Amino acid sequence: FFFFFLFTLHQTQKMPLAVDLLNPRSDAEASKHKLKRLIQSPNSYFMDVKCPGCVNISTVFSHASTVVVCGNCSQVLCKPTGGKARLQEGCSFRKKKAF
């Protein structure tokens, strides 16, 4: 009888969740692994990189695995690392919009 009383008491108590699982905060979603997010999305992106020498704009992948050089002046724009490509000093960039 006592066990049944505790069981029914436990069922009637509703404990609120600490986080909303259907509407997570954007900063919490951004810090999760790309496959563990509520809606899966990649961490990579394309960006427009401005060459500091000739002010030419080139499109570069954020995780480029090869050295990217400017089409006009052959100056190195970014070098690959283990993950994201590292921009050279003086280069400015902006993310391209996802379609």
C-alpha atoms as a PDB file:
ATOM      1  CA  PHE A   1       0.000   0.000   0.000  1.00  0.00           C
ATOM      2  CA  PHE A   2       2.782   2.422   0.911  1.00  0.00           C
ATOM      3  CA  PHE A   3       4.554   1.790  -2.412  1.00  0.00           C
ATOM      4  CA  PHE A   4       1.315   2.454  -4.326  1.00  0.00           C
ATOM      5  CA  PHE A   5       0.878   5.753  -2.411  1.00  0.00           C
ATOM      6  CA  LEU A   6       4.397   6.909  -3.336  1.00  0.00           C
ATOM      7  CA  PHE A   7       3.900   5.855  -6.950  1.00  0.00           C
ATOM      8  CA  THR A   8       0.658   7.831  -7.320  1.00  0.00           C
ATOM      9  CA  LEU A   9       2.180  10.815  -5.512  1.00  0.00           C
ATOM     10  CA  HIS A  10       5.124  10.752  -7.903  1.00  0.00           C
ATOM     11  CA  GLN A  11       2.834  10.691 -10.961  1.00  0.00           C
ATOM     12  CA  THR A  12       0.820  13.724  -9.868  1.00  0.00           C
ATOM     13  CA  GLN A  13       3.842  15.988  -9.355  1.00  0.00           C
ATOM     14  CA  LYS A  14       4.953  17.769 -12.505  1.00  0.00           C
ATOM     15  CA  MET A  15       8.475  19.073 -12.583  1.00  0.00           C
ATOM     16  CA  PRO A  16       9.246  21.755 -15.189  1.00  0.00           C
ATOM     17  CA  LEU A  17      12.169  21.210 -17.539  1.00  0.00           C
ATOM     18  CA  ALA A  18      15.217  23.389 -17.076  1.00  0.00           C
ATOM     19  CA  VAL A  19      15.389  24.085 -20.827  1.00  0.00           C
ATOM     20  CA  ASP A  20      12.803  24.266 -23.585  1.00  0.00           C
ATOM     21  CA  LEU A  21      13.570  21.371 -25.929  1.00  0.00           C
ATOM     22  CA  LEU A  22      11.402  22.599 -28.812  1.00  0.00           C
ATOM     23  CA  ASN A  23      12.677  26.187 -28.816  1.00  0.00           C
ATOM     24  CA  PRO A  24      16.377  26.082 -27.879  1.00  0.00           C
ATOM     25  CA  ARG A  25      18.439  29.253 -27.514  1.00  0.00           C
ATOM     26  CA  SER A  26      20.481  30.126 -30.598  1.00  0.00           C
ATOM     27  CA  ASP A  27      23.784  30.316 -28.699  1.00  0.00           C
ATOM     28  CA  ALA A  28      23.188  26.849 -27.242  1.00  0.00           C
ATOM     29  CA  GLU A  29      22.432  25.459 -30.700  1.00  0.00           C
ATOM     30  CA  ALA A  30      25.527  27.053 -32.213  1.00  0.00           C
ATOM     31  CA  SER A  31      27.804  25.401 -29.669  1.00  0.00           C
ATOM     32  CA  LYS A  32      26.429  21.909 -30.367  1.00  0.00           C
ATOM     33  CA  HIS A  33      27.920  19.469 -32.870  1.00  0.00           C
ATOM     34  CA  LYS A  34      26.554  19.948 -36.382  1.00  0.00           C
ATOM     35  CA  LEU A  35      24.696  16.611 -36.283  1.00  0.00           C
ATOM     36  CA  LYS A  36      23.304  17.056 -32.744  1.00  0.00           C
ATOM     37  CA  ARG A  37      21.421  20.301 -33.480  1.00  0.00           C
ATOM     38  CA  LEU A  38      17.632  20.367 -33.661  1.00  0.00           C
ATOM     39  CA  ILE A  39      17.989  21.107 -37.386  1.00  0.00           C
ATOM     40  CA  GLN A  40      21.257  19.831 -38.793  1.00  0.00           C
ATOM     41  CA  SER A  41      23.382  22.491 -40.469  1.00  0.00           C
ATOM     42  CA  PRO A  42      27.041  22.646 -41.561  1.00  0.00           C
ATOM     43  CA  ASN A  43      29.726  24.721 -39.865  1.00  0.00           C
ATOM     44  CA  SER A  44      31.349  25.660 -43.168  1.00  0.00           C
ATOM     45  CA  TYR A  45      30.482  28.564 -45.434  1.00  0.00           C
ATOM     46  CA  PHE A  46      31.675  30.473 -48.497  1.00  0.00           C
ATOM     47  CA  MET A  47      33.145  33.934 -48.040  1.00  0.00           C
ATOM     48  CA  ASP A  48      34.207  36.876 -50.168  1.00  0.00           C
ATOM     49  CA  VAL A  49      37.859  37.708 -49.466  1.00  0.00           C
ATOM     50  CA  LYS A  50      39.287  41.073 -50.495  1.00  0.00           C
ATOM     51  CA  CYS A  51      42.916  41.055 -51.617  1.00  0.00           C
ATOM     52  CA  PRO A  52      44.925  43.764 -49.806  1.00  0.00           C
ATOM     53  CA  GLY A  53      47.178  44.333 -52.833  1.00  0.00           C
ATOM     54  CA  CYS A  54      44.821  44.816 -55.773  1.00  0.00           C
ATOM     55  CA  VAL A  55      41.430  45.028 -53.927  1.00  0.00           C
ATOM     56  CA  ASN A  56      40.094  42.118 -56.015  1.00  0.00           C
ATOM     57  CA  ILE A  57      37.314  40.047 -54.403  1.00  0.00           C
ATOM     58  CA  SER A  58      37.612  36.254 -54.528  1.00  0.00           C
ATOM     59  CA  THR A  59      35.191  33.597 -53.278  1.00  0.00           C
ATOM     60  CA  VAL A  60      36.856  31.180 -50.861  1.00  0.00           C
ATOM     61  CA  PHE A  61      35.540  28.152 -48.943  1.00  0.00           C
ATOM     62  CA  SER A  62      35.945  28.539 -45.164  1.00  0.00           C
ATOM     63  CA  HIS A  63      37.528  25.095 -44.783  1.00  0.00           C
ATOM     64  CA  ALA A  64      39.775  25.312 -47.860  1.00  0.00           C
ATOM     65  CA  SER A  65      42.338  22.493 -47.985  1.00  0.00           C
ATOM     66  CA  THR A  66      44.689  24.188 -50.447  1.00  0.00           C
ATOM     67  CA  VAL A  67      46.455  27.540 -50.579  1.00  0.00           C
ATOM     68  CA  VAL A  68      44.224  30.151 -52.258  1.00  0.00           C
ATOM     69  CA  VAL A  69      45.927  32.897 -54.289  1.00  0.00           C
ATOM     70  CA  CYS A  70      44.539  36.065 -55.840  1.00  0.00           C
ATOM     71  CA  GLY A  71      43.640  35.759 -59.529  1.00  0.00           C
ATOM     72  CA  ASN A  72      45.131  39.149 -60.442  1.00  0.00           C
ATOM     73  CA  CYS A  73      48.310  39.582 -58.423  1.00  0.00           C
ATOM     74  CA  SER A  74      49.016  35.983 -57.249  1.00  0.00           C
ATOM     75  CA  GLN A  75      49.199  37.033 -53.600  1.00  0.00           C
ATOM     76  CA  VAL A  76      48.337  34.342 -51.039  1.00  0.00           C
ATOM     77  CA  LEU A  77      44.877  34.976 -49.531  1.00  0.00           C
ATOM     78  CA  CYS A  78      44.576  32.034 -47.135  1.00  0.00           C
ATOM     79  CA  LYS A  79      46.460  28.936 -46.023  1.00  0.00           C
ATOM     80  CA  PRO A  80      44.908  25.654 -44.884  1.00  0.00           C
ATOM     81  CA  THR A  81      45.057  24.452 -41.290  1.00  0.00           C
ATOM     82  CA  GLY A  82      43.574  21.302 -39.805  1.00  0.00           C
ATOM     83  CA  GLY A  83      40.066  22.785 -39.967  1.00  0.00           C
ATOM     84  CA  LYS A  84      39.266  26.300 -41.104  1.00  0.00           C
ATOM     85  CA  ALA A  85      41.544  28.122 -43.513  1.00  0.00           C
ATOM     86  CA  ARG A  86      43.625  30.921 -41.990  1.00  0.00           C
ATOM     87  CA  LEU A  87      43.394  34.278 -43.767  1.00  0.00           C
ATOM     88  CA  GLN A  88      46.599  36.169 -44.401  1.00  0.00           C
ATOM     89  CA  GLU A  89      47.181  39.447 -42.617  1.00  0.00           C
ATOM     90  CA  GLY A  90      45.504  42.382 -44.316  1.00  0.00           C
ATOM     91  CA  CYS A  91      42.754  40.306 -45.957  1.00  0.00           C
ATOM     92  CA  SER A  92      39.183  41.177 -45.066  1.00  0.00           C
ATOM     93  CA  PHE A  93      36.201  38.871 -45.561  1.00  0.00           C
ATOM     94  CA  ARG A  94      32.444  38.579 -45.260  1.00  0.00           C
ATOM     95  CA  LYS A  95      30.245  35.510 -45.188  1.00  0.00           C
ATOM     96  CA  LYS A  96      28.126  34.856 -48.229  1.00  0.00           C
ATOM     97  CA  LYS A  97      24.419  34.416 -47.593  1.00  0.00           C
ATOM     98  CA  ALA A  98      23.052  30.885 -47.623  1.00  0.00           C
ATOM     99  CA  PHE A  99      20.314  30.318 -50.158  1.00  0.00           C
END
